[in-house]
PDB file of N, CA and C in Angstrom:
ATOM      1  N   MET A   1     -11.607  23.488   1.781  1.00  0.00           N
ATOM      2  CA  MET A   1     -10.536  24.209   1.147  1.00  0.00           C
ATOM      3  C   MET A   1     -10.341  23.724  -0.295  1.00  0.00           C
ATOM      4  N   ILE A   2     -10.377  22.405  -0.489  1.00  0.00           N
ATOM      5  CA  ILE A   2     -10.214  21.852  -1.829  1.00  0.00           C
ATOM      6  C   ILE A   2     -11.328  22.343  -2.738  1.00  0.00           C
ATOM      7  N   GLU A   3     -12.544  22.454  -2.182  1.00  0.00           N
ATOM      8  CA  GLU A   3     -13.659  22.959  -2.977  1.00  0.00           C
ATOM      9  C   GLU A   3     -13.373  24.366  -3.477  1.00  0.00           C
ATOM     10  N   PHE A   4     -12.887  25.205  -2.590  1.00  0.00           N
ATOM     11  CA  PHE A   4     -12.561  26.584  -2.966  1.00  0.00           C
ATOM     12  C   PHE A   4     -11.486  26.607  -4.047  1.00  0.00           C
ATOM     13  N   LEU A   5     -10.436  25.799  -3.858  1.00  0.00           N
ATOM     14  CA  LEU A   5      -9.333  25.783  -4.823  1.00  0.00           C
ATOM     15  C   LEU A   5      -9.778  25.269  -6.186  1.00  0.00           C
ATOM     16  N   THR A   6     -10.595  24.231  -6.190  1.00  0.00           N
ATOM     17  CA  THR A   6     -11.054  23.689  -7.476  1.00  0.00           C
ATOM     18  C   THR A   6     -12.092  24.602  -8.129  1.00  0.00           C
ATOM     19  N   THR A   7     -12.943  25.197  -7.329  1.00  0.00           N
ATOM     20  CA  THR A   7     -13.963  26.100  -7.866  1.00  0.00           C
ATOM     21  C   THR A   7     -13.318  27.295  -8.556  1.00  0.00           C
ATOM     22  N   HIS A   8     -12.263  27.799  -7.971  1.00  0.00           N
ATOM     23  CA  HIS A   8     -11.590  28.989  -8.512  1.00  0.00           C
ATOM     24  C   HIS A   8     -10.371  28.631  -9.365  1.00  0.00           C
ATOM     25  N   ASN A   9     -10.251  27.348  -9.728  1.00  0.00           N
ATOM     26  CA  ASN A   9      -9.136  26.862 -10.556  1.00  0.00           C
ATOM     27  C   ASN A   9      -7.769  27.213  -9.967  1.00  0.00           C
ATOM     28  N   LEU A  10      -7.639  27.062  -8.676  1.00  0.00           N
ATOM     29  CA  LEU A  10      -6.388  27.391  -7.997  1.00  0.00           C
ATOM     30  C   LEU A  10      -5.641  26.167  -7.476  1.00  0.00           C
ATOM     31  N   LEU A  11      -6.208  24.984  -7.663  1.00  0.00           N
ATOM     32  CA  LEU A  11      -5.582  23.775  -7.130  1.00  0.00           C
ATOM     33  C   LEU A  11      -4.211  23.543  -7.767  1.00  0.00           C
ATOM     34  N   GLY A  12      -4.132  23.625  -9.076  1.00  0.00           N
ATOM     35  CA  GLY A  12      -2.857  23.433  -9.766  1.00  0.00           C
ATOM     36  C   GLY A  12      -1.823  24.464  -9.352  1.00  0.00           C
ATOM     37  N   LEU A  13      -2.256  25.713  -9.232  1.00  0.00           N
ATOM     38  CA  LEU A  13      -1.348  26.779  -8.808  1.00  0.00           C
ATOM     39  C   LEU A  13      -0.835  26.535  -7.392  1.00  0.00           C
ATOM     40  N   THR A  14      -1.715  26.130  -6.506  1.00  0.00           N
ATOM     41  CA  THR A  14      -1.332  25.868  -5.115  1.00  0.00           C
ATOM     42  C   THR A  14      -0.367  24.688  -5.032  1.00  0.00           C
ATOM     43  N   ILE A  15      -0.631  23.646  -5.790  1.00  0.00           N
ATOM     44  CA  ILE A  15       0.278  22.494  -5.816  1.00  0.00           C
ATOM     45  C   ILE A  15       1.633  22.905  -6.386  1.00  0.00           C
ATOM     46  N   GLY A  16       1.618  23.738  -7.416  1.00  0.00           N
ATOM     47  CA  GLY A  16       2.864  24.222  -8.006  1.00  0.00           C
ATOM     48  C   GLY A  16       3.687  25.033  -7.014  1.00  0.00           C
ATOM     49  N   ILE A  17       3.041  25.917  -6.279  1.00  0.00           N
ATOM     50  CA  ILE A  17       3.739  26.724  -5.269  1.00  0.00           C
ATOM     51  C   ILE A  17       4.299  25.833  -4.172  1.00  0.00           C
ATOM     52  N   ALA A  18       3.492  24.883  -3.708  1.00  0.00           N
ATOM     53  CA  ALA A  18       3.960  23.961  -2.667  1.00  0.00           C
ATOM     54  C   ALA A  18       5.141  23.138  -3.165  1.00  0.00           C
ATOM     55  N   THR A  19       5.093  22.679  -4.418  1.00  0.00           N
ATOM     56  CA  THR A  19       6.194  21.914  -5.006  1.00  0.00           C
ATOM     57  C   THR A  19       7.453  22.757  -5.065  1.00  0.00           C
ATOM     58  N   PHE A  20       7.324  23.997  -5.466  1.00  0.00           N
ATOM     59  CA  PHE A  20       8.450  24.927  -5.525  1.00  0.00           C
ATOM     60  C   PHE A  20       9.126  25.041  -4.156  1.00  0.00           C
ATOM     61  N   PHE A  21       8.337  25.220  -3.109  1.00  0.00           N
ATOM     62  CA  PHE A  21       8.899  25.356  -1.768  1.00  0.00           C
ATOM     63  C   PHE A  21       9.500  24.052  -1.244  1.00  0.00           C
ATOM     64  N   ILE A  22       8.880  22.928  -1.575  1.00  0.00           N
ATOM     65  CA  ILE A  22       9.414  21.633  -1.139  1.00  0.00           C
ATOM     66  C   ILE A  22      10.772  21.377  -1.782  1.00  0.00           C
ATOM     67  N   ILE A  23      10.876  21.604  -3.085  1.00  0.00           N
ATOM     68  CA  ILE A  23      12.156  21.418  -3.772  1.00  0.00           C
ATOM     69  C   ILE A  23      13.185  22.398  -3.219  1.00  0.00           C
ATOM     70  N   GLY A  24      12.763  23.626  -2.983  1.00  0.00           N
ATOM     71  CA  GLY A  24      13.660  24.620  -2.398  1.00  0.00           C
ATOM     72  C   GLY A  24      14.136  24.241  -1.007  1.00  0.00           C
ATOM     73  N   LEU A  25      13.310  23.562  -0.261  1.00  0.00           N
ATOM     74  CA  LEU A  25      13.683  23.110   1.076  1.00  0.00           C
ATOM     75  C   LEU A  25      14.690  21.971   1.015  1.00  0.00           C
ATOM     76  N   PHE A  26      14.533  21.094   0.049  1.00  0.00           N
ATOM     77  CA  PHE A  26      15.412  19.927  -0.037  1.00  0.00           C
ATOM     78  C   PHE A  26      16.831  20.286  -0.465  1.00  0.00           C
ATOM     79  N   HIS A  27      17.003  21.367  -1.193  1.00  0.00           N
ATOM     80  CA  HIS A  27      18.350  21.760  -1.635  1.00  0.00           C
ATOM     81  C   HIS A  27      19.298  21.966  -0.442  1.00  0.00           C
ATOM     82  N   PRO A  28      18.965  22.813   0.526  1.00  0.00           N
ATOM     83  CA  PRO A  28      19.870  22.955   1.673  1.00  0.00           C
ATOM     84  C   PRO A  28      19.914  21.719   2.568  1.00  0.00           C
ATOM     85  N   VAL A  29      18.843  20.937   2.587  1.00  0.00           N
ATOM     86  CA  VAL A  29      18.847  19.713   3.402  1.00  0.00           C
ATOM     87  C   VAL A  29      19.912  18.746   2.880  1.00  0.00           C
ATOM     88  N   VAL A  30      19.993  18.598   1.561  1.00  0.00           N
ATOM     89  CA  VAL A  30      21.006  17.710   0.961  1.00  0.00           C
ATOM     90  C   VAL A  30      22.409  18.230   1.268  1.00  0.00           C
ATOM     91  N   ILE A  31      22.608  19.536   1.149  1.00  0.00           N
ATOM     92  CA  ILE A  31      23.927  20.119   1.422  1.00  0.00           C
ATOM     93  C   ILE A  31      24.326  19.876   2.866  1.00  0.00           C
ATOM     94  N   LYS A  32      23.419  20.117   3.794  1.00  0.00           N
ATOM     95  CA  LYS A  32      23.721  19.907   5.220  1.00  0.00           C
ATOM     96  C   LYS A  32      23.920  18.426   5.540  1.00  0.00           C
ATOM     97  N   ALA A  33      23.108  17.569   4.945  1.00  0.00           N
ATOM     98  CA  ALA A  33      23.245  16.128   5.194  1.00  0.00           C
ATOM     99  C   ALA A  33      24.620  15.651   4.740  1.00  0.00           C
ATOM    100  N   GLU A  34      25.055  16.094   3.564  1.00  0.00           N
ATOM    101  CA  GLU A  34      26.371  15.687   3.074  1.00  0.00           C
ATOM    102  C   GLU A  34      27.465  16.260   3.954  1.00  0.00           C
ATOM    103  N   TYR A  35      27.302  17.479   4.415  1.00  0.00           N
ATOM    104  CA  TYR A  35      28.317  18.121   5.243  1.00  0.00           C
ATOM    105  C   TYR A  35      28.507  17.373   6.566  1.00  0.00           C
ATOM    106  N   TYR A  36      27.404  17.033   7.216  1.00  0.00           N
ATOM    107  CA  TYR A  36      27.506  16.410   8.541  1.00  0.00           C
ATOM    108  C   TYR A  36      27.691  14.892   8.500  1.00  0.00           C
ATOM    109  N   TRP A  37      27.089  14.214   7.521  1.00  0.00           N
ATOM    110  CA  TRP A  37      27.130  12.756   7.522  1.00  0.00           C
ATOM    111  C   TRP A  37      27.754  12.138   6.282  1.00  0.00           C
ATOM    112  N   GLY A  38      27.936  12.914   5.238  1.00  0.00           N
ATOM    113  CA  GLY A  38      28.466  12.361   3.995  1.00  0.00           C
ATOM    114  C   GLY A  38      27.387  11.601   3.247  1.00  0.00           C
ATOM    115  N   ALA A  39      27.803  10.861   2.233  1.00  0.00           N
ATOM    116  CA  ALA A  39      26.845  10.132   1.399  1.00  0.00           C
ATOM    117  C   ALA A  39      26.280   8.902   2.097  1.00  0.00           C
ATOM    118  N   LYS A  40      26.850   8.543   3.237  1.00  0.00           N
ATOM    119  CA  LYS A  40      26.378   7.323   3.920  1.00  0.00           C
ATOM    120  C   LYS A  40      24.971   7.458   4.496  1.00  0.00           C
ATOM    121  N   CYS A  41      24.403   8.663   4.469  1.00  0.00           N
ATOM    122  CA  CYS A  41      23.045   8.853   5.000  1.00  0.00           C
ATOM    123  C   CYS A  41      21.972   8.731   3.907  1.00  0.00           C
ATOM    124  N   TRP A  42      22.350   8.212   2.752  1.00  0.00           N
ATOM    125  CA  TRP A  42      21.404   8.094   1.638  1.00  0.00           C
ATOM    126  C   TRP A  42      20.180   7.264   2.005  1.00  0.00           C
ATOM    127  N   TRP A  43      20.373   6.283   2.859  1.00  0.00           N
ATOM    128  CA  TRP A  43      19.277   5.383   3.217  1.00  0.00           C
ATOM    129  C   TRP A  43      18.182   6.114   4.004  1.00  0.00           C
ATOM    130  N   LEU A  44      18.539   7.221   4.694  1.00  0.00           N
ATOM    131  CA  LEU A  44      17.514   8.011   5.387  1.00  0.00           C
ATOM    132  C   LEU A  44      16.543   8.627   4.377  1.00  0.00           C
ATOM    133  N   PHE A  45      17.099   9.119   3.263  1.00  0.00           N
ATOM    134  CA  PHE A  45      16.247   9.670   2.211  1.00  0.00           C
ATOM    135  C   PHE A  45      15.398   8.570   1.576  1.00  0.00           C
ATOM    136  N   LEU A  46      15.950   7.368   1.451  1.00  0.00           N
ATOM    137  CA  LEU A  46      15.194   6.251   0.889  1.00  0.00           C
ATOM    138  C   LEU A  46      14.019   5.883   1.791  1.00  0.00           C
ATOM    139  N   ILE A  47      14.263   5.765   3.081  1.00  0.00           N
ATOM    140  CA  ILE A  47      13.186   5.419   4.027  1.00  0.00           C
ATOM    141  C   ILE A  47      12.118   6.508   4.039  1.00  0.00           C
ATOM    142  N   ALA A  48      12.558   7.773   4.067  1.00  0.00           N
ATOM    143  CA  ALA A  48      11.598   8.884   4.049  1.00  0.00           C
ATOM    144  C   ALA A  48      10.800   8.866   2.756  1.00  0.00           C
ATOM    145  N   GLY A  49      11.466   8.611   1.624  1.00  0.00           N
ATOM    146  CA  GLY A  49      10.777   8.572   0.344  1.00  0.00           C
ATOM    147  C   GLY A  49       9.732   7.480   0.285  1.00  0.00           C
ATOM    148  N   ILE A  50      10.091   6.301   0.761  1.00  0.00           N
ATOM    149  CA  ILE A  50       9.131   5.184   0.765  1.00  0.00           C
ATOM    150  C   ILE A  50       7.955   5.504   1.688  1.00  0.00           C
ATOM    151  N   THR A  51       8.242   6.095   2.834  1.00  0.00           N
ATOM    152  CA  THR A  51       7.184   6.458   3.781  1.00  0.00           C
ATOM    153  C   THR A  51       6.206   7.451   3.152  1.00  0.00           C
ATOM    154  N   PHE A  52       6.740   8.512   2.543  1.00  0.00           N
ATOM    155  CA  PHE A  52       5.863   9.502   1.920  1.00  0.00           C
ATOM    156  C   PHE A  52       5.136   8.935   0.700  1.00  0.00           C
ATOM    157  N   LEU A  53       5.760   7.997   0.005  1.00  0.00           N
ATOM    158  CA  LEU A  53       5.106   7.346  -1.126  1.00  0.00           C
ATOM    159  C   LEU A  53       3.888   6.549  -0.651  1.00  0.00           C
ATOM    160  N   VAL A  54       4.060   5.801   0.425  1.00  0.00           N
ATOM    161  CA  VAL A  54       2.949   5.025   0.992  1.00  0.00           C
ATOM    162  C   VAL A  54       1.847   5.974   1.467  1.00  0.00           C
ATOM    163  N   LEU A  55       2.251   7.075   2.139  1.00  0.00           N
ATOM    164  CA  LEU A  55       1.250   8.050   2.582  1.00  0.00           C
ATOM    165  C   LEU A  55       0.495   8.636   1.397  1.00  0.00           C
ATOM    166  N   SER A  56       1.199   8.896   0.314  1.00  0.00           N
ATOM    167  CA  SER A  56       0.562   9.442  -0.881  1.00  0.00           C
ATOM    168  C   SER A  56      -0.497   8.485  -1.427  1.00  0.00           C
ATOM    169  N   ILE A  57      -0.217   7.205  -1.349  1.00  0.00           N
ATOM    170  CA  ILE A  57      -1.174   6.209  -1.837  1.00  0.00           C
ATOM    171  C   ILE A  57      -2.367   6.079  -0.894  1.00  0.00           C
ATOM    172  N   LEU A  58      -2.121   6.190   0.407  1.00  0.00           N
ATOM    173  CA  LEU A  58      -3.173   5.974   1.398  1.00  0.00           C
ATOM    174  C   LEU A  58      -4.096   7.170   1.609  1.00  0.00           C
ATOM    175  N   ILE A  59      -3.587   8.383   1.399  1.00  0.00           N
ATOM    176  CA  ILE A  59      -4.381   9.586   1.663  1.00  0.00           C
ATOM    177  C   ILE A  59      -5.369   9.817   0.522  1.00  0.00           C
ATOM    178  N   LYS A  60      -6.610  10.037   0.873  1.00  0.00           N
ATOM    179  CA  LYS A  60      -7.671  10.215  -0.121  1.00  0.00           C
ATOM    180  C   LYS A  60      -7.731  11.643  -0.664  1.00  0.00           C
ATOM    181  N   ASP A  61      -7.378  12.628   0.149  1.00  0.00           N
ATOM    182  CA  ASP A  61      -7.420  14.024  -0.264  1.00  0.00           C
ATOM    183  C   ASP A  61      -6.409  14.277  -1.373  1.00  0.00           C
ATOM    184  N   ILE A  62      -6.865  14.787  -2.514  1.00  0.00           N
ATOM    185  CA  ILE A  62      -6.007  14.938  -3.692  1.00  0.00           C
ATOM    186  C   ILE A  62      -4.848  15.908  -3.438  1.00  0.00           C
ATOM    187  N   PHE A  63      -5.109  16.993  -2.725  1.00  0.00           N
ATOM    188  CA  PHE A  63      -4.052  17.970  -2.452  1.00  0.00           C
ATOM    189  C   PHE A  63      -2.964  17.365  -1.567  1.00  0.00           C
ATOM    190  N   LEU A  64      -3.362  16.786  -0.447  1.00  0.00           N
ATOM    191  CA  LEU A  64      -2.378  16.191   0.476  1.00  0.00           C
ATOM    192  C   LEU A  64      -1.672  14.991  -0.154  1.00  0.00           C
ATOM    193  N   SER A  65      -2.406  14.192  -0.909  1.00  0.00           N
ATOM    194  CA  SER A  65      -1.807  13.054  -1.584  1.00  0.00           C
ATOM    195  C   SER A  65      -0.737  13.511  -2.571  1.00  0.00           C
ATOM    196  N   THR A  66      -1.035  14.570  -3.305  1.00  0.00           N
ATOM    197  CA  THR A  66      -0.067  15.106  -4.264  1.00  0.00           C
ATOM    198  C   THR A  66       1.164  15.654  -3.555  1.00  0.00           C
ATOM    199  N   ILE A  67       0.967  16.371  -2.468  1.00  0.00           N
ATOM    200  CA  ILE A  67       2.094  16.926  -1.711  1.00  0.00           C
ATOM    201  C   ILE A  67       2.957  15.795  -1.150  1.00  0.00           C
ATOM    202  N   MET A  68       2.332  14.740  -0.644  1.00  0.00           N
ATOM    203  CA  MET A  68       3.105  13.590  -0.149  1.00  0.00           C
ATOM    204  C   MET A  68       3.906  12.955  -1.285  1.00  0.00           C
ATOM    205  N   GLY A  69       3.316  12.874  -2.465  1.00  0.00           N
ATOM    206  CA  GLY A  69       4.030  12.337  -3.624  1.00  0.00           C
ATOM    207  C   GLY A  69       5.211  13.211  -4.016  1.00  0.00           C
ATOM    208  N   VAL A  70       5.032  14.515  -3.980  1.00  0.00           N
ATOM    209  CA  VAL A  70       6.126  15.443  -4.300  1.00  0.00           C
ATOM    210  C   VAL A  70       7.257  15.289  -3.286  1.00  0.00           C
ATOM    211  N   ILE A  71       6.909  15.184  -2.019  1.00  0.00           N
ATOM    212  CA  ILE A  71       7.933  14.994  -0.983  1.00  0.00           C
ATOM    213  C   ILE A  71       8.645  13.652  -1.191  1.00  0.00           C
ATOM    214  N   ALA A  72       7.883  12.609  -1.521  1.00  0.00           N
ATOM    215  CA  ALA A  72       8.475  11.284  -1.733  1.00  0.00           C
ATOM    216  C   ALA A  72       9.516  11.326  -2.837  1.00  0.00           C
ATOM    217  N   PHE A  73       9.164  11.892  -3.969  1.00  0.00           N
ATOM    218  CA  PHE A  73      10.099  11.896  -5.086  1.00  0.00           C
ATOM    219  C   PHE A  73      11.206  12.930  -4.904  1.00  0.00           C
ATOM    220  N   SER A  74      10.980  13.932  -4.072  1.00  0.00           N
ATOM    221  CA  SER A  74      12.069  14.839  -3.697  1.00  0.00           C
ATOM    222  C   SER A  74      13.082  14.090  -2.841  1.00  0.00           C
ATOM    223  N   CYS A  75      12.612  13.208  -1.989  1.00  0.00           N
ATOM    224  CA  CYS A  75      13.522  12.368  -1.184  1.00  0.00           C
ATOM    225  C   CYS A  75      14.321  11.432  -2.089  1.00  0.00           C
ATOM    226  N   PHE A  76      13.642  10.813  -3.057  1.00  0.00           N
ATOM    227  CA  PHE A  76      14.348   9.909  -3.971  1.00  0.00           C
ATOM    228  C   PHE A  76      15.383  10.669  -4.801  1.00  0.00           C
ATOM    229  N   TRP A  77      15.029  11.844  -5.283  1.00  0.00           N
ATOM    230  CA  TRP A  77      15.967  12.651  -6.060  1.00  0.00           C
ATOM    231  C   TRP A  77      17.133  13.101  -5.183  1.00  0.00           C
ATOM    232  N   SER A  78      16.881  13.307  -3.901  1.00  0.00           N
ATOM    233  CA  SER A  78      17.932  13.742  -2.977  1.00  0.00           C
ATOM    234  C   SER A  78      19.022  12.689  -2.824  1.00  0.00           C
ATOM    235  N   ILE A  79      18.688  11.424  -3.014  1.00  0.00           N
ATOM    236  CA  ILE A  79      19.712  10.375  -2.959  1.00  0.00           C
ATOM    237  C   ILE A  79      20.728  10.615  -4.066  1.00  0.00           C
ATOM    238  N   PHE A  80      20.248  10.866  -5.274  1.00  0.00           N
ATOM    239  CA  PHE A  80      21.132  11.171  -6.394  1.00  0.00           C
ATOM    240  C   PHE A  80      21.932  12.443  -6.103  1.00  0.00           C
ATOM    241  N   GLU A  81      21.248  13.478  -5.620  1.00  0.00           N
ATOM    242  CA  GLU A  81      21.914  14.749  -5.356  1.00  0.00           C
ATOM    243  C   GLU A  81      22.945  14.642  -4.234  1.00  0.00           C
ATOM    244  N   LEU A  82      22.724  13.748  -3.306  1.00  0.00           N
ATOM    245  CA  LEU A  82      23.679  13.547  -2.212  1.00  0.00           C
ATOM    246  C   LEU A  82      25.017  13.063  -2.755  1.00  0.00           C
ATOM    247  N   PHE A  83      24.977  12.128  -3.681  1.00  0.00           N
ATOM    248  CA  PHE A  83      26.225  11.637  -4.278  1.00  0.00           C
ATOM    249  C   PHE A  83      26.841  12.686  -5.202  1.00  0.00           C
ATOM    250  N   GLU A  84      26.004  13.467  -5.863  1.00  0.00           N
ATOM    251  CA  GLU A  84      26.520  14.571  -6.681  1.00  0.00           C
ATOM    252  C   GLU A  84      27.151  15.643  -5.786  1.00  0.00           C
ATOM    253  N   GLN A  85      26.551  15.885  -4.630  1.00  0.00           N
ATOM    254  CA  GLN A  85      27.095  16.866  -3.688  1.00  0.00           C
ATOM    255  C   GLN A  85      28.467  16.421  -3.198  1.00  0.00           C
ATOM    256  N   THR A  86      28.658  15.130  -3.011  1.00  0.00           N
ATOM    257  CA  THR A  86      29.960  14.608  -2.618  1.00  0.00           C
ATOM    258  C   THR A  86      31.005  14.958  -3.674  1.00  0.00           C
ATOM    259  N   LYS A  87      30.627  14.850  -4.938  1.00  0.00           N
ATOM    260  CA  LYS A  87      31.543  15.212  -6.024  1.00  0.00           C
ATOM    261  C   LYS A  87      31.824  16.711  -6.025  1.00  0.00           C
ATOM    262  N   ARG A  88      30.789  17.516  -5.756  1.00  0.00           N
ATOM    263  CA  ARG A  88      30.983  18.967  -5.728  1.00  0.00           C
ATOM    264  C   ARG A  88      31.900  19.368  -4.585  1.00  0.00           C
ATOM    265  N   VAL A  89      31.799  18.698  -3.451  1.00  0.00           N
ATOM    266  CA  VAL A  89      32.686  18.969  -2.322  1.00  0.00           C
ATOM    267  C   VAL A  89      34.120  18.590  -2.685  1.00  0.00           C
ATOM    268  N   ALA A  90      34.278  17.450  -3.355  1.00  0.00           N
ATOM    269  CA  ALA A  90      35.617  17.001  -3.760  1.00  0.00           C
ATOM    270  C   ALA A  90      36.259  17.994  -4.737  1.00  0.00           C
ATOM    271  N   LYS A  91      35.444  18.661  -5.551  1.00  0.00           N
ATOM    272  CA  LYS A  91      35.960  19.656  -6.493  1.00  0.00           C
ATOM    273  C   LYS A  91      36.261  20.985  -5.808  1.00  0.00           C
ATOM    274  N   GLY A  92      35.836  21.119  -4.555  1.00  0.00           N
ATOM    275  CA  GLY A  92      36.078  22.357  -3.822  1.00  0.00           C
ATOM    276  C   GLY A  92      34.988  23.395  -3.982  1.00  0.00           C
ATOM    277  N   TRP A  93      33.875  23.026  -4.580  1.00  0.00           N
ATOM    278  CA  TRP A  93      32.783  23.972  -4.780  1.00  0.00           C
ATOM    279  C   TRP A  93      32.009  24.233  -3.493  1.00  0.00           C
ATOM    280  N   PHE A  94      32.050  23.277  -2.569  1.00  0.00           N
ATOM    281  CA  PHE A  94      31.388  23.406  -1.275  1.00  0.00           C
ATOM    282  C   PHE A  94      32.392  23.031  -0.190  1.00  0.00           C
ATOM    283  N   PRO A  95      32.208  23.547   1.021  1.00  0.00           N
ATOM    284  CA  PRO A  95      33.176  23.261   2.083  1.00  0.00           C
ATOM    285  C   PRO A  95      33.110  21.811   2.560  1.00  0.00           C
ATOM    286  N   THR A  96      34.246  21.330   2.979  1.00  0.00           N
ATOM    287  CA  THR A  96      34.356  19.998   3.572  1.00  0.00           C
ATOM    288  C   THR A  96      34.237  20.137   5.081  1.00  0.00           C
ATOM    289  N   ASN A  97      33.542  19.234   5.703  1.00  0.00           N
ATOM    290  CA  ASN A  97      33.434  19.243   7.156  1.00  0.00           C
ATOM    291  C   ASN A  97      34.768  18.780   7.734  1.00  0.00           C
ATOM    292  N   PRO A  98      35.476  19.644   8.447  1.00  0.00           N
ATOM    293  CA  PRO A  98      36.795  19.259   8.971  1.00  0.00           C
ATOM    294  C   PRO A  98      36.730  18.113   9.982  1.00  0.00           C
ATOM    295  N   LYS A  99      35.614  17.908  10.608  1.00  0.00           N
ATOM    296  CA  LYS A  99      35.483  16.816  11.581  1.00  0.00           C
ATOM    297  C   LYS A  99      35.340  15.460  10.893  1.00  0.00           C
ATOM    298  N   ARG A 100      34.963  15.474   9.602  1.00  0.00           N
ATOM    299  CA  ARG A 100      34.796  14.221   8.875  1.00  0.00           C
ATOM    300  C   ARG A 100      35.970  13.902   7.969  1.00  0.00           C
ATOM    301  N   VAL A 101      36.879  14.812   7.805  1.00  0.00           N
ATOM    302  CA  VAL A 101      38.008  14.600   6.900  1.00  0.00           C
ATOM    303  C   VAL A 101      38.941  13.559   7.496  1.00  0.00           C
ATOM    304  N   LYS A 102      39.264  12.566   6.678  1.00  0.00           N
ATOM    305  CA  LYS A 102      40.211  11.548   7.117  1.00  0.00           C
ATOM    306  C   LYS A 102      41.612  12.111   6.990  1.00  0.00           C
ATOM    307  N   LYS A 103      42.388  11.928   8.010  1.00  0.00           N
ATOM    308  CA  LYS A 103      43.760  12.412   7.981  1.00  0.00           C
ATOM    309  C   LYS A 103      44.602  11.481   7.129  1.00  0.00           C
ATOM    310  N   LYS A 104      45.370  12.090   6.258  1.00  0.00           N
ATOM    311  CA  LYS A 104      46.247  11.316   5.397  1.00  0.00           C
ATOM    312  C   LYS A 104      47.492  10.932   6.178  1.00  0.00           C
ATOM    313  N   SER A 105      47.896   9.706   5.980  1.00  0.00           N
ATOM    314  CA  SER A 105      49.111   9.254   6.665  1.00  0.00           C
ATOM    315  C   SER A 105      50.320   9.881   5.973  1.00  0.00           C
ATOM    316  N   LYS A 106      51.286  10.219   6.762  1.00  0.00           N
ATOM    317  CA  LYS A 106      52.498  10.833   6.225  1.00  0.00           C
ATOM    318  C   LYS A 106      53.372   9.750   5.591  1.00  0.00           C
ATOM    319  N   SER A 107      53.865  10.070   4.429  1.00  0.00           N
ATOM    320  CA  SER A 107      54.724   9.144   3.720  1.00  0.00           C
ATOM    321  C   SER A 107      56.121   9.710   3.676  1.00  0.00           C
ATOM    322  N   ILE A 108      57.115   8.841   3.750  1.00  0.00           N
ATOM    323  CA  ILE A 108      58.489   9.317   3.703  1.00  0.00           C
ATOM    324  C   ILE A 108      58.969   9.460   2.262  1.00  0.00           C
ATOM    325  N   PHE A 109      58.127   9.052   1.309  1.00  0.00           N
ATOM    326  CA  PHE A 109      58.500   9.160  -0.109  1.00  0.00           C
ATOM    327  C   PHE A 109      57.880  10.356  -0.741  1.00  0.00           C
TER     328      PHE A 109
END
C-alpha cells in the first residue's frame, strides 16, 4: 500500500486526511471527557500520548508511524484543551454535568 501511495504521490495527502479525521475525533472526545470526568482525567490523555509516542518510535512503517505520532500529539494537545474546556463550561458555553456539580452550601447571609 505504501508503495502505491508513494508511487502516485498520495502519501502526504493520505496522512493529511487521516490527521484531519484524528483531530476531528479528538474534539468531541475532549468535550465528553470533561463532561463526565472533568479536568481530573488529564492523566489518561498523558498516558495515551506517551503510549502512542513510543509506538510511533517503534513502528518502522512510515505511514503507521506518522499516524501514531499524530495521535500522540493530539492526546498531548487534548490535555491543554481539557482545561480550556473547563473554562468554556464555566462561562456557560457548554453544558455542565448535573451529576458532577457540587452543591453550594446555603448561607444565612
